[in-house]
Amino acid sequence: MHYNAFRPSIHDVFRCFQKWTTIHLSDGTTLTAYLVSGDLNYANGYLMHNSYQSLRCRGMKVHPMQQAQSCLNQWVTVTLRNGFSLDFYLTSYDGQMIGGVLPTRQLLPLAHQIMSVDC
């Protein structure tokens, strides 16, 4: 077993502002995100579609872009590929990614799972 003395943290993710970032979690989940800004309260940015399993708006699963357009500027639920769910204020949706804001505190349960951060 290989022991890594340095384990990335959520702070390493925040160092990647204004860059496309790939985050690898210990459960095999990979997130590709672009962080525009963030602080102790909120993180603002984009998440590639291949980073999450589903997007729910008003309790309904959203898939086609036309459905997502009706959910803009509303709180939605984004479920990552590992089943972890995040509340996300959806501000944009296109064929490749979603954009918006999420409360930073929601990221804390994922912090211990970060294996690497590439930006």
PDB file of N, CA and C in Angstrom:
ATOM      1  N   MET A   1       0.847  -1.180   0.000  1.00  0.00           N
ATOM      2  CA  MET A   1       0.000   0.000   0.000  1.00  0.00           C
ATOM      3  C   MET A   1       0.891   1.242   0.000  1.00  0.00           C
ATOM      4  N   HIS A   2       0.581   2.152  -0.873  1.00  0.00           N
ATOM      5  CA  HIS A   2       1.344   3.388  -0.987  1.00  0.00           C
ATOM      6  C   HIS A   2       0.699   4.428  -0.087  1.00  0.00           C
ATOM      7  N   TYR A   3       1.501   5.096   0.714  1.00  0.00           N
ATOM      8  CA  TYR A   3       0.998   6.128   1.601  1.00  0.00           C
ATOM      9  C   TYR A   3       1.409   7.487   1.068  1.00  0.00           C
ATOM     10  N   ASN A   4       0.430   8.359   0.871  1.00  0.00           N
ATOM     11  CA  ASN A   4       0.702   9.702   0.387  1.00  0.00           C
ATOM     12  C   ASN A   4       0.628  10.656   1.569  1.00  0.00           C
ATOM     13  N   ALA A   5       1.750  11.233   1.965  1.00  0.00           N
ATOM     14  CA  ALA A   5       1.801  12.126   3.121  1.00  0.00           C
ATOM     15  C   ALA A   5       1.030  13.422   2.855  1.00  0.00           C
ATOM     16  N   PHE A   6       0.968  13.817   1.595  1.00  0.00           N
ATOM     17  CA  PHE A   6       0.236  15.031   1.248  1.00  0.00           C
ATOM     18  C   PHE A   6      -1.087  14.649   0.610  1.00  0.00           C
ATOM     19  N   ARG A   7      -2.150  15.054   1.240  1.00  0.00           N
ATOM     20  CA  ARG A   7      -3.481  14.793   0.697  1.00  0.00           C
ATOM     21  C   ARG A   7      -4.108  16.137   0.354  1.00  0.00           C
ATOM     22  N   PRO A   8      -4.543  16.333  -0.894  1.00  0.00           N
ATOM     23  CA  PRO A   8      -5.156  17.612  -1.270  1.00  0.00           C
ATOM     24  C   PRO A   8      -6.394  17.907  -0.422  1.00  0.00           C
ATOM     25  N   SER A   9      -6.708  19.172  -0.307  1.00  0.00           N
ATOM     26  CA  SER A   9      -7.877  19.594   0.465  1.00  0.00           C
ATOM     27  C   SER A   9      -8.763  20.494  -0.390  1.00  0.00           C
ATOM     28  N   ILE A  10      -9.833  20.917   0.184  1.00  0.00           N
ATOM     29  CA  ILE A  10     -10.756  21.826  -0.500  1.00  0.00           C
ATOM     30  C   ILE A  10     -10.039  23.140  -0.834  1.00  0.00           C
ATOM     31  N   HIS A  11      -9.033  23.498  -0.039  1.00  0.00           N
ATOM     32  CA  HIS A  11      -8.260  24.724  -0.303  1.00  0.00           C
ATOM     33  C   HIS A  11      -7.486  24.612  -1.615  1.00  0.00           C
ATOM     34  N   ASP A  12      -7.054  23.396  -1.953  1.00  0.00           N
ATOM     35  CA  ASP A  12      -6.366  23.192  -3.227  1.00  0.00           C
ATOM     36  C   ASP A  12      -7.313  23.433  -4.399  1.00  0.00           C
ATOM     37  N   VAL A  13      -8.568  23.088  -4.220  1.00  0.00           N
ATOM     38  CA  VAL A  13      -9.570  23.338  -5.256  1.00  0.00           C
ATOM     39  C   VAL A  13      -9.742  24.844  -5.437  1.00  0.00           C
ATOM     40  N   PHE A  14      -9.830  25.578  -4.335  1.00  0.00           N
ATOM     41  CA  PHE A  14     -10.022  27.023  -4.413  1.00  0.00           C
ATOM     42  C   PHE A  14      -8.813  27.744  -5.006  1.00  0.00           C
ATOM     43  N   ARG A  15      -7.668  27.117  -5.033  1.00  0.00           N
ATOM     44  CA  ARG A  15      -6.483  27.721  -5.665  1.00  0.00           C
ATOM     45  C   ARG A  15      -6.582  27.671  -7.189  1.00  0.00           C
ATOM     46  N   CYS A  16      -7.567  26.967  -7.696  1.00  0.00           N
ATOM     47  CA  CYS A  16      -7.709  26.780  -9.143  1.00  0.00           C
ATOM     48  C   CYS A  16      -8.740  27.721  -9.768  1.00  0.00           C
ATOM     49  N   PHE A  17      -9.029  28.839  -9.122  1.00  0.00           N
ATOM     50  CA  PHE A  17      -9.982  29.784  -9.685  1.00  0.00           C
ATOM     51  C   PHE A  17      -9.574  30.178 -11.093  1.00  0.00           C
ATOM     52  N   GLN A  18     -10.582  30.349 -11.927  1.00  0.00           N
ATOM     53  CA  GLN A  18     -10.410  30.802 -13.305  1.00  0.00           C
ATOM     54  C   GLN A  18      -9.659  29.793 -14.168  1.00  0.00           C
ATOM     55  N   LYS A  19      -9.711  28.500 -13.789  1.00  0.00           N
ATOM     56  CA  LYS A  19      -9.067  27.445 -14.572  1.00  0.00           C
ATOM     57  C   LYS A  19      -9.965  26.212 -14.563  1.00  0.00           C
ATOM     58  N   TRP A  20      -9.961  25.475 -15.652  1.00  0.00           N
ATOM     59  CA  TRP A  20     -10.650  24.190 -15.651  1.00  0.00           C
ATOM     60  C   TRP A  20      -9.886  23.268 -14.717  1.00  0.00           C
ATOM     61  N   THR A  21     -10.614  22.607 -13.848  1.00  0.00           N
ATOM     62  CA  THR A  21     -10.020  21.796 -12.799  1.00  0.00           C
ATOM     63  C   THR A  21     -10.626  20.402 -12.809  1.00  0.00           C
ATOM     64  N   THR A  22      -9.772  19.395 -12.668  1.00  0.00           N
ATOM     65  CA  THR A  22     -10.235  18.022 -12.541  1.00  0.00           C
ATOM     66  C   THR A  22      -9.957  17.574 -11.111  1.00  0.00           C
ATOM     67  N   ILE A  23     -11.013  17.117 -10.452  1.00  0.00           N
ATOM     68  CA  ILE A  23     -10.919  16.674  -9.064  1.00  0.00           C
ATOM     69  C   ILE A  23     -11.222  15.184  -9.035  1.00  0.00           C
ATOM     70  N   HIS A  24     -10.290  14.411  -8.500  1.00  0.00           N
ATOM     71  CA  HIS A  24     -10.462  12.961  -8.391  1.00  0.00           C
ATOM     72  C   HIS A  24     -10.764  12.630  -6.934  1.00  0.00           C
ATOM     73  N   LEU A  25     -11.872  11.919  -6.708  1.00  0.00           N
ATOM     74  CA  LEU A  25     -12.242  11.510  -5.361  1.00  0.00           C
ATOM     75  C   LEU A  25     -11.841  10.058  -5.117  1.00  0.00           C
ATOM     76  N   SER A  26     -11.722   9.683  -3.863  1.00  0.00           N
ATOM     77  CA  SER A  26     -11.260   8.343  -3.500  1.00  0.00           C
ATOM     78  C   SER A  26     -12.208   7.239  -3.957  1.00  0.00           C
ATOM     79  N   ASP A  27     -13.470   7.556  -4.193  1.00  0.00           N
ATOM     80  CA  ASP A  27     -14.428   6.532  -4.633  1.00  0.00           C
ATOM     81  C   ASP A  27     -14.431   6.357  -6.155  1.00  0.00           C
ATOM     82  N   GLY A  28     -13.505   7.046  -6.855  1.00  0.00           N
ATOM     83  CA  GLY A  28     -13.409   6.928  -8.303  1.00  0.00           C
ATOM     84  C   GLY A  28     -14.160   8.018  -9.059  1.00  0.00           C
ATOM     85  N   THR A  29     -14.901   8.837  -8.364  1.00  0.00           N
ATOM     86  CA  THR A  29     -15.637   9.929  -8.993  1.00  0.00           C
ATOM     87  C   THR A  29     -14.656  10.993  -9.474  1.00  0.00           C
ATOM     88  N   THR A  30     -14.891  11.491 -10.693  1.00  0.00           N
ATOM     89  CA  THR A  30     -14.085  12.569 -11.253  1.00  0.00           C
ATOM     90  C   THR A  30     -15.008  13.738 -11.574  1.00  0.00           C
ATOM     91  N   LEU A  31     -14.631  14.901 -11.105  1.00  0.00           N
ATOM     92  CA  LEU A  31     -15.393  16.117 -11.363  1.00  0.00           C
ATOM     93  C   LEU A  31     -14.552  17.047 -12.218  1.00  0.00           C
ATOM     94  N   THR A  32     -15.159  17.614 -13.243  1.00  0.00           N
ATOM     95  CA  THR A  32     -14.492  18.618 -14.060  1.00  0.00           C
ATOM     96  C   THR A  32     -15.273  19.914 -13.895  1.00  0.00           C
ATOM     97  N   ALA A  33     -14.614  20.911 -13.313  1.00  0.00           N
ATOM     98  CA  ALA A  33     -15.301  22.156 -12.974  1.00  0.00           C
ATOM     99  C   ALA A  33     -14.426  23.358 -13.304  1.00  0.00           C
ATOM    100  N   TYR A  34     -15.096  24.480 -13.484  1.00  0.00           N
ATOM    101  CA  TYR A  34     -14.426  25.756 -13.680  1.00  0.00           C
ATOM    102  C   TYR A  34     -14.937  26.668 -12.577  1.00  0.00           C
ATOM    103  N   LEU A  35     -14.067  27.024 -11.648  1.00  0.00           N
ATOM    104  CA  LEU A  35     -14.469  27.867 -10.532  1.00  0.00           C
ATOM    105  C   LEU A  35     -14.223  29.328 -10.874  1.00  0.00           C
ATOM    106  N   VAL A  36     -15.292  30.093 -10.884  1.00  0.00           N
ATOM    107  CA  VAL A  36     -15.193  31.511 -11.194  1.00  0.00           C
ATOM    108  C   VAL A  36     -14.797  32.286  -9.941  1.00  0.00           C
ATOM    109  N   SER A  37     -15.479  31.974  -8.834  1.00  0.00           N
ATOM    110  CA  SER A  37     -15.210  32.651  -7.570  1.00  0.00           C
ATOM    111  C   SER A  37     -15.742  31.796  -6.429  1.00  0.00           C
ATOM    112  N   GLY A  38     -15.347  32.149  -5.232  1.00  0.00           N
ATOM    113  CA  GLY A  38     -15.832  31.419  -4.078  1.00  0.00           C
ATOM    114  C   GLY A  38     -15.298  32.020  -2.798  1.00  0.00           C
ATOM    115  N   ASP A  39     -16.017  31.735  -1.732  1.00  0.00           N
ATOM    116  CA  ASP A  39     -15.592  32.157  -0.403  1.00  0.00           C
ATOM    117  C   ASP A  39     -16.155  31.157   0.593  1.00  0.00           C
ATOM    118  N   LEU A  40     -16.198  31.509   1.845  1.00  0.00           N
ATOM    119  CA  LEU A  40     -16.690  30.578   2.861  1.00  0.00           C
ATOM    120  C   LEU A  40     -18.179  30.307   2.740  1.00  0.00           C
ATOM    121  N   ASN A  41     -18.889  31.139   1.987  1.00  0.00           N
ATOM    122  CA  ASN A  41     -20.340  30.983   1.866  1.00  0.00           C
ATOM    123  C   ASN A  41     -20.785  30.310   0.572  1.00  0.00           C
ATOM    124  N   TYR A  42     -20.239  30.749  -0.561  1.00  0.00           N
ATOM    125  CA  TYR A  42     -20.702  30.260  -1.859  1.00  0.00           C
ATOM    126  C   TYR A  42     -19.545  30.042  -2.831  1.00  0.00           C
ATOM    127  N   ALA A  43     -19.750  29.101  -3.742  1.00  0.00           N
ATOM    128  CA  ALA A  43     -18.827  28.880  -4.850  1.00  0.00           C
ATOM    129  C   ALA A  43     -19.616  29.087  -6.139  1.00  0.00           C
ATOM    130  N   ASN A  44     -19.037  29.789  -7.073  1.00  0.00           N
ATOM    131  CA  ASN A  44     -19.682  30.117  -8.339  1.00  0.00           C
ATOM    132  C   ASN A  44     -18.843  29.519  -9.469  1.00  0.00           C
ATOM    133  N   GLY A  45     -19.497  28.766 -10.366  1.00  0.00           N
ATOM    134  CA  GLY A  45     -18.734  28.209 -11.469  1.00  0.00           C
ATOM    135  C   GLY A  45     -19.546  27.296 -12.357  1.00  0.00           C
ATOM    136  N   TYR A  46     -18.839  26.405 -13.042  1.00  0.00           N
ATOM    137  CA  TYR A  46     -19.439  25.518 -14.035  1.00  0.00           C
ATOM    138  C   TYR A  46     -19.026  24.073 -13.748  1.00  0.00           C
ATOM    139  N   LEU A  47     -19.895  23.152 -14.103  1.00  0.00           N
ATOM    140  CA  LEU A  47     -19.644  21.731 -13.921  1.00  0.00           C
ATOM    141  C   LEU A  47     -20.012  21.023 -15.220  1.00  0.00           C
ATOM    142  N   MET A  48     -19.069  20.239 -15.738  1.00  0.00           N
ATOM    143  CA  MET A  48     -19.316  19.502 -16.987  1.00  0.00           C
ATOM    144  C   MET A  48     -20.386  18.430 -16.752  1.00  0.00           C
ATOM    145  N   HIS A  49     -21.210  18.191 -17.769  1.00  0.00           N
ATOM    146  CA  HIS A  49     -22.284  17.197 -17.659  1.00  0.00           C
ATOM    147  C   HIS A  49     -21.757  15.818 -17.271  1.00  0.00           C
ATOM    148  N   ASN A  50     -20.579  15.436 -17.752  1.00  0.00           N
ATOM    149  CA  ASN A  50     -20.066  14.100 -17.441  1.00  0.00           C
ATOM    150  C   ASN A  50     -19.629  13.957 -15.982  1.00  0.00           C
ATOM    151  N   SER A  51     -19.705  15.037 -15.202  1.00  0.00           N
ATOM    152  CA  SER A  51     -19.328  14.996 -13.792  1.00  0.00           C
ATOM    153  C   SER A  51     -20.489  14.638 -12.874  1.00  0.00           C
ATOM    154  N   TYR A  52     -21.690  14.650 -13.398  1.00  0.00           N
ATOM    155  CA  TYR A  52     -22.820  14.339 -12.528  1.00  0.00           C
ATOM    156  C   TYR A  52     -23.746  13.318 -13.169  1.00  0.00           C
ATOM    157  N   GLN A  53     -24.538  12.708 -12.306  1.00  0.00           N
ATOM    158  CA  GLN A  53     -25.456  11.656 -12.731  1.00  0.00           C
ATOM    159  C   GLN A  53     -26.806  12.215 -13.149  1.00  0.00           C
ATOM    160  N   SER A  54     -27.322  13.160 -12.353  1.00  0.00           N
ATOM    161  CA  SER A  54     -28.638  13.710 -12.686  1.00  0.00           C
ATOM    162  C   SER A  54     -28.797  15.130 -12.165  1.00  0.00           C
ATOM    163  N   LEU A  55     -29.766  15.804 -12.749  1.00  0.00           N
ATOM    164  CA  LEU A  55     -30.142  17.159 -12.379  1.00  0.00           C
ATOM    165  C   LEU A  55     -31.647  17.126 -12.162  1.00  0.00           C
ATOM    166  N   ARG A  56     -32.085  17.594 -10.989  1.00  0.00           N
ATOM    167  CA  ARG A  56     -33.521  17.596 -10.679  1.00  0.00           C
ATOM    168  C   ARG A  56     -33.979  19.017 -10.410  1.00  0.00           C
ATOM    169  N   CYS A  57     -35.133  19.325 -11.000  1.00  0.00           N
ATOM    170  CA  CYS A  57     -35.737  20.640 -10.866  1.00  0.00           C
ATOM    171  C   CYS A  57     -37.198  20.432 -10.487  1.00  0.00           C
ATOM    172  N   ARG A  58     -37.615  21.040  -9.390  1.00  0.00           N
ATOM    173  CA  ARG A  58     -38.995  20.873  -8.907  1.00  0.00           C
ATOM    174  C   ARG A  58     -39.358  19.390  -8.785  1.00  0.00           C
ATOM    175  N   GLY A  59     -38.373  18.586  -8.353  1.00  0.00           N
ATOM    176  CA  GLY A  59     -38.598  17.158  -8.128  1.00  0.00           C
ATOM    177  C   GLY A  59     -38.545  16.280  -9.359  1.00  0.00           C
ATOM    178  N   MET A  60     -38.411  16.857 -10.534  1.00  0.00           N
ATOM    179  CA  MET A  60     -38.399  16.093 -11.782  1.00  0.00           C
ATOM    180  C   MET A  60     -36.983  16.049 -12.357  1.00  0.00           C
ATOM    181  N   LYS A  61     -36.604  14.895 -12.885  1.00  0.00           N
ATOM    182  CA  LYS A  61     -35.293  14.761 -13.520  1.00  0.00           C
ATOM    183  C   LYS A  61     -35.282  15.569 -14.815  1.00  0.00           C
ATOM    184  N   VAL A  62     -34.229  16.348 -15.002  1.00  0.00           N
ATOM    185  CA  VAL A  62     -34.081  17.214 -16.166  1.00  0.00           C
ATOM    186  C   VAL A  62     -33.038  16.591 -17.088  1.00  0.00           C
ATOM    187  N   HIS A  63     -33.385  16.461 -18.354  1.00  0.00           N
ATOM    188  CA  HIS A  63     -32.386  15.957 -19.288  1.00  0.00           C
ATOM    189  C   HIS A  63     -32.268  16.845 -20.515  1.00  0.00           C
ATOM    190  N   PRO A  64     -33.304  16.978 -21.310  1.00  0.00           N
ATOM    191  CA  PRO A  64     -33.131  17.810 -22.508  1.00  0.00           C
ATOM    192  C   PRO A  64     -32.894  19.276 -22.136  1.00  0.00           C
ATOM    193  N   MET A  65     -32.149  19.947 -22.974  1.00  0.00           N
ATOM    194  CA  MET A  65     -31.826  21.341 -22.732  1.00  0.00           C
ATOM    195  C   MET A  65     -33.098  22.190 -22.600  1.00  0.00           C
ATOM    196  N   GLN A  66     -34.141  21.839 -23.342  1.00  0.00           N
ATOM    197  CA  GLN A  66     -35.370  22.618 -23.274  1.00  0.00           C
ATOM    198  C   GLN A  66     -35.970  22.567 -21.861  1.00  0.00           C
ATOM    199  N   GLN A  67     -35.919  21.405 -21.221  1.00  0.00           N
ATOM    200  CA  GLN A  67     -36.422  21.300 -19.848  1.00  0.00           C
ATOM    201  C   GLN A  67     -35.561  22.115 -18.900  1.00  0.00           C
ATOM    202  N   ALA A  68     -34.268  22.076 -19.091  1.00  0.00           N
ATOM    203  CA  ALA A  68     -33.355  22.787 -18.201  1.00  0.00           C
ATOM    204  C   ALA A  68     -33.555  24.295 -18.292  1.00  0.00           C
ATOM    205  N   GLN A  69     -33.875  24.789 -19.464  1.00  0.00           N
ATOM    206  CA  GLN A  69     -34.067  26.232 -19.632  1.00  0.00           C
ATOM    207  C   GLN A  69     -35.168  26.753 -18.707  1.00  0.00           C
ATOM    208  N   SER A  70     -36.195  25.942 -18.445  1.00  0.00           N
ATOM    209  CA  SER A  70     -37.276  26.378 -17.560  1.00  0.00           C
ATOM    210  C   SER A  70     -36.850  26.353 -16.089  1.00  0.00           C
ATOM    211  N   CYS A  71     -35.691  25.814 -15.803  1.00  0.00           N
ATOM    212  CA  CYS A  71     -35.185  25.732 -14.427  1.00  0.00           C
ATOM    213  C   CYS A  71     -34.116  26.778 -14.131  1.00  0.00           C
ATOM    214  N   LEU A  72     -33.783  27.600 -15.109  1.00  0.00           N
ATOM    215  CA  LEU A  72     -32.768  28.623 -14.885  1.00  0.00           C
ATOM    216  C   LEU A  72     -33.203  29.586 -13.788  1.00  0.00           C
ATOM    217  N   ASN A  73     -32.224  30.047 -13.029  1.00  0.00           N
ATOM    218  CA  ASN A  73     -32.443  30.984 -11.924  1.00  0.00           C
ATOM    219  C   ASN A  73     -33.348  30.398 -10.846  1.00  0.00           C
ATOM    220  N   GLN A  74     -33.169  29.096 -10.604  1.00  0.00           N
ATOM    221  CA  GLN A  74     -33.880  28.386  -9.549  1.00  0.00           C
ATOM    222  C   GLN A  74     -32.920  27.412  -8.885  1.00  0.00           C
ATOM    223  N   TRP A  75     -33.258  27.001  -7.669  1.00  0.00           N
ATOM    224  CA  TRP A  75     -32.489  25.976  -6.981  1.00  0.00           C
ATOM    225  C   TRP A  75     -32.857  24.619  -7.555  1.00  0.00           C
ATOM    226  N   VAL A  76     -31.843  23.835  -7.892  1.00  0.00           N
ATOM    227  CA  VAL A  76     -32.011  22.486  -8.412  1.00  0.00           C
ATOM    228  C   VAL A  76     -31.150  21.555  -7.547  1.00  0.00           C
ATOM    229  N   THR A  77     -31.295  20.259  -7.758  1.00  0.00           N
ATOM    230  CA  THR A  77     -30.460  19.274  -7.071  1.00  0.00           C
ATOM    231  C   THR A  77     -29.595  18.572  -8.105  1.00  0.00           C
ATOM    232  N   VAL A  78     -28.307  18.612  -7.893  1.00  0.00           N
ATOM    233  CA  VAL A  78     -27.348  17.930  -8.755  1.00  0.00           C
ATOM    234  C   VAL A  78     -26.844  16.710  -7.991  1.00  0.00           C
ATOM    235  N   THR A  79     -27.017  15.528  -8.582  1.00  0.00           N
ATOM    236  CA  THR A  79     -26.519  14.304  -7.960  1.00  0.00           C
ATOM    237  C   THR A  79     -25.268  13.863  -8.712  1.00  0.00           C
ATOM    238  N   LEU A  80     -24.167  13.791  -7.969  1.00  0.00           N
ATOM    239  CA  LEU A  80     -22.899  13.382  -8.567  1.00  0.00           C
ATOM    240  C   LEU A  80     -22.926  11.894  -8.879  1.00  0.00           C
ATOM    241  N   ARG A  81     -21.954  11.413  -9.614  1.00  0.00           N
ATOM    242  CA  ARG A  81     -21.895  10.007 -10.022  1.00  0.00           C
ATOM    243  C   ARG A  81     -21.760   9.059  -8.830  1.00  0.00           C
ATOM    244  N   ASN A  82     -21.283   9.563  -7.696  1.00  0.00           N
ATOM    245  CA  ASN A  82     -21.156   8.729  -6.500  1.00  0.00           C
ATOM    246  C   ASN A  82     -22.409   8.775  -5.622  1.00  0.00           C
ATOM    247  N   GLY A  83     -23.460   9.430  -6.110  1.00  0.00           N
ATOM    248  CA  GLY A  83     -24.719   9.509  -5.378  1.00  0.00           C
ATOM    249  C   GLY A  83     -24.823  10.695  -4.436  1.00  0.00           C
ATOM    250  N   PHE A  84     -23.769  11.470  -4.278  1.00  0.00           N
ATOM    251  CA  PHE A  84     -23.768  12.643  -3.409  1.00  0.00           C
ATOM    252  C   PHE A  84     -24.569  13.764  -4.074  1.00  0.00           C
ATOM    253  N   SER A  85     -25.497  14.371  -3.338  1.00  0.00           N
ATOM    254  CA  SER A  85     -26.353  15.421  -3.898  1.00  0.00           C
ATOM    255  C   SER A  85     -25.968  16.801  -3.386  1.00  0.00           C
ATOM    256  N   LEU A  86     -26.087  17.783  -4.275  1.00  0.00           N
ATOM    257  CA  LEU A  86     -25.783  19.175  -3.965  1.00  0.00           C
ATOM    258  C   LEU A  86     -26.941  20.064  -4.383  1.00  0.00           C
ATOM    259  N   ASP A  87     -27.259  21.068  -3.557  1.00  0.00           N
ATOM    260  CA  ASP A  87     -28.200  22.106  -3.963  1.00  0.00           C
ATOM    261  C   ASP A  87     -27.410  23.092  -4.803  1.00  0.00           C
ATOM    262  N   PHE A  88     -27.971  23.479  -5.938  1.00  0.00           N
ATOM    263  CA  PHE A  88     -27.240  24.274  -6.915  1.00  0.00           C
ATOM    264  C   PHE A  88     -28.203  25.302  -7.502  1.00  0.00           C
ATOM    265  N   TYR A  89     -27.832  26.578  -7.458  1.00  0.00           N
ATOM    266  CA  TYR A  89     -28.641  27.621  -8.072  1.00  0.00           C
ATOM    267  C   TYR A  89     -28.227  27.713  -9.535  1.00  0.00           C
ATOM    268  N   LEU A  90     -29.072  27.195 -10.420  1.00  0.00           N
ATOM    269  CA  LEU A  90     -28.756  27.049 -11.839  1.00  0.00           C
ATOM    270  C   LEU A  90     -28.889  28.378 -12.571  1.00  0.00           C
ATOM    271  N   THR A  91     -27.779  28.838 -13.159  1.00  0.00           N
ATOM    272  CA  THR A  91     -27.809  30.090 -13.920  1.00  0.00           C
ATOM    273  C   THR A  91     -27.578  29.883 -15.408  1.00  0.00           C
ATOM    274  N   SER A  92     -27.014  28.716 -15.780  1.00  0.00           N
ATOM    275  CA  SER A  92     -26.821  28.425 -17.202  1.00  0.00           C
ATOM    276  C   SER A  92     -26.790  26.922 -17.437  1.00  0.00           C
ATOM    277  N   TYR A  93     -27.165  26.543 -18.658  1.00  0.00           N
ATOM    278  CA  TYR A  93     -27.190  25.141 -19.053  1.00  0.00           C
ATOM    279  C   TYR A  93     -26.986  25.106 -20.559  1.00  0.00           C
ATOM    280  N   ASP A  94     -25.984  24.355 -20.991  1.00  0.00           N
ATOM    281  CA  ASP A  94     -25.810  24.173 -22.430  1.00  0.00           C
ATOM    282  C   ASP A  94     -25.457  22.715 -22.688  1.00  0.00           C
ATOM    283  N   GLY A  95     -25.054  22.407 -23.885  1.00  0.00           N
ATOM    284  CA  GLY A  95     -24.793  21.026 -24.265  1.00  0.00           C
ATOM    285  C   GLY A  95     -23.619  20.375 -23.555  1.00  0.00           C
ATOM    286  N   GLN A  96     -22.768  21.165 -22.903  1.00  0.00           N
ATOM    287  CA  GLN A  96     -21.578  20.615 -22.255  1.00  0.00           C
ATOM    288  C   GLN A  96     -21.544  20.770 -20.751  1.00  0.00           C
ATOM    289  N   MET A  97     -22.202  21.805 -20.216  1.00  0.00           N
ATOM    290  CA  MET A  97     -22.049  22.093 -18.790  1.00  0.00           C
ATOM    291  C   MET A  97     -23.239  22.829 -18.206  1.00  0.00           C
ATOM    292  N   ILE A  98     -23.250  22.858 -16.877  1.00  0.00           N
ATOM    293  CA  ILE A  98     -24.194  23.687 -16.146  1.00  0.00           C
ATOM    294  C   ILE A  98     -23.390  24.748 -15.407  1.00  0.00           C
ATOM    295  N   GLY A  99     -24.014  25.868 -15.147  1.00  0.00           N
ATOM    296  CA  GLY A  99     -23.359  26.940 -14.411  1.00  0.00           C
ATOM    297  C   GLY A  99     -24.240  27.405 -13.281  1.00  0.00           C
ATOM    298  N   GLY A 100     -23.619  27.872 -12.221  1.00  0.00           N
ATOM    299  CA  GLY A 100     -24.398  28.379 -11.112  1.00  0.00           C
ATOM    300  C   GLY A 100     -23.592  28.540  -9.841  1.00  0.00           C
ATOM    301  N   VAL A 101     -24.337  28.541  -8.748  1.00  0.00           N
ATOM    302  CA  VAL A 101     -23.782  28.820  -7.432  1.00  0.00           C
ATOM    303  C   VAL A 101     -24.227  27.730  -6.470  1.00  0.00           C
ATOM    304  N   LEU A 102     -23.324  27.356  -5.556  1.00  0.00           N
ATOM    305  CA  LEU A 102     -23.729  26.419  -4.510  1.00  0.00           C
ATOM    306  C   LEU A 102     -23.117  26.846  -3.189  1.00  0.00           C
ATOM    307  N   PRO A 103     -23.834  26.548  -2.093  1.00  0.00           N
ATOM    308  CA  PRO A 103     -23.278  26.859  -0.773  1.00  0.00           C
ATOM    309  C   PRO A 103     -22.009  26.039  -0.538  1.00  0.00           C
ATOM    310  N   THR A 104     -20.926  26.699  -0.170  1.00  0.00           N
ATOM    311  CA  THR A 104     -19.638  26.047   0.024  1.00  0.00           C
ATOM    312  C   THR A 104     -19.711  24.954   1.084  1.00  0.00           C
ATOM    313  N   ARG A 105     -20.523  25.124   2.110  1.00  0.00           N
ATOM    314  CA  ARG A 105     -20.607  24.129   3.185  1.00  0.00           C
ATOM    315  C   ARG A 105     -20.997  22.748   2.659  1.00  0.00           C
ATOM    316  N   GLN A 106     -21.669  22.699   1.508  1.00  0.00           N
ATOM    317  CA  GLN A 106     -22.061  21.417   0.935  1.00  0.00           C
ATOM    318  C   GLN A 106     -20.863  20.616   0.434  1.00  0.00           C
ATOM    319  N   LEU A 107     -19.762  21.304   0.166  1.00  0.00           N
ATOM    320  CA  LEU A 107     -18.567  20.635  -0.338  1.00  0.00           C
ATOM    321  C   LEU A 107     -17.748  19.983   0.781  1.00  0.00           C
ATOM    322  N   LEU A 108     -17.969  20.396   2.009  1.00  0.00           N
ATOM    323  CA  LEU A 108     -17.163  19.890   3.116  1.00  0.00           C
ATOM    324  C   LEU A 108     -17.225  18.373   3.276  1.00  0.00           C
ATOM    325  N   PRO A 109     -18.382  17.709   3.127  1.00  0.00           N
ATOM    326  CA  PRO A 109     -18.389  16.247   3.242  1.00  0.00           C
ATOM    327  C   PRO A 109     -17.557  15.553   2.155  1.00  0.00           C
ATOM    328  N   LEU A 110     -17.328  16.221   1.045  1.00  0.00           N
ATOM    329  CA  LEU A 110     -16.511  15.647  -0.028  1.00  0.00           C
ATOM    330  C   LEU A 110     -15.019  15.885   0.195  1.00  0.00           C
ATOM    331  N   ALA A 111     -14.675  16.820   1.062  1.00  0.00           N
ATOM    332  CA  ALA A 111     -13.281  17.235   1.240  1.00  0.00           C
ATOM    333  C   ALA A 111     -12.368  16.077   1.607  1.00  0.00           C
ATOM    334  N   HIS A 112     -12.805  15.176   2.448  1.00  0.00           N
ATOM    335  CA  HIS A 112     -11.947  14.066   2.875  1.00  0.00           C
ATOM    336  C   HIS A 112     -11.751  13.017   1.781  1.00  0.00           C
ATOM    337  N   GLN A 113     -12.520  13.127   0.707  1.00  0.00           N
ATOM    338  CA  GLN A 113     -12.425  12.167  -0.394  1.00  0.00           C
ATOM    339  C   GLN A 113     -11.496  12.631  -1.525  1.00  0.00           C
ATOM    340  N   ILE A 114     -11.008  13.857  -1.454  1.00  0.00           N
ATOM    341  CA  ILE A 114     -10.180  14.396  -2.539  1.00  0.00           C
ATOM    342  C   ILE A 114      -8.842  13.674  -2.580  1.00  0.00           C
ATOM    343  N   MET A 115      -8.574  13.055  -3.729  1.00  0.00           N
ATOM    344  CA  MET A 115      -7.291  12.353  -3.936  1.00  0.00           C
ATOM    345  C   MET A 115      -6.297  13.220  -4.720  1.00  0.00           C
ATOM    346  N   SER A 116      -6.822  13.969  -5.709  1.00  0.00           N
ATOM    347  CA  SER A 116      -5.948  14.854  -6.473  1.00  0.00           C
ATOM    348  C   SER A 116      -6.762  15.986  -7.081  1.00  0.00           C
ATOM    349  N   VAL A 117      -6.077  17.096  -7.305  1.00  0.00           N
ATOM    350  CA  VAL A 117      -6.668  18.280  -7.919  1.00  0.00           C
ATOM    351  C   VAL A 117      -5.708  18.736  -9.013  1.00  0.00           C
ATOM    352  N   ASP A 118      -6.199  18.757 -10.245  1.00  0.00           N
ATOM    353  CA  ASP A 118      -5.372  19.165 -11.379  1.00  0.00           C
ATOM    354  C   ASP A 118      -5.980  20.402 -12.020  1.00  0.00           C
ATOM    355  N   CYS A 119      -5.216  21.499 -12.007  1.00  0.00           N
ATOM    356  CA  CYS A 119      -5.726  22.725 -12.655  1.00  0.00           C
ATOM    357  C   CYS A 119      -4.642  23.360 -13.500  1.00  0.00           C
TER     358      CYS A 119
END
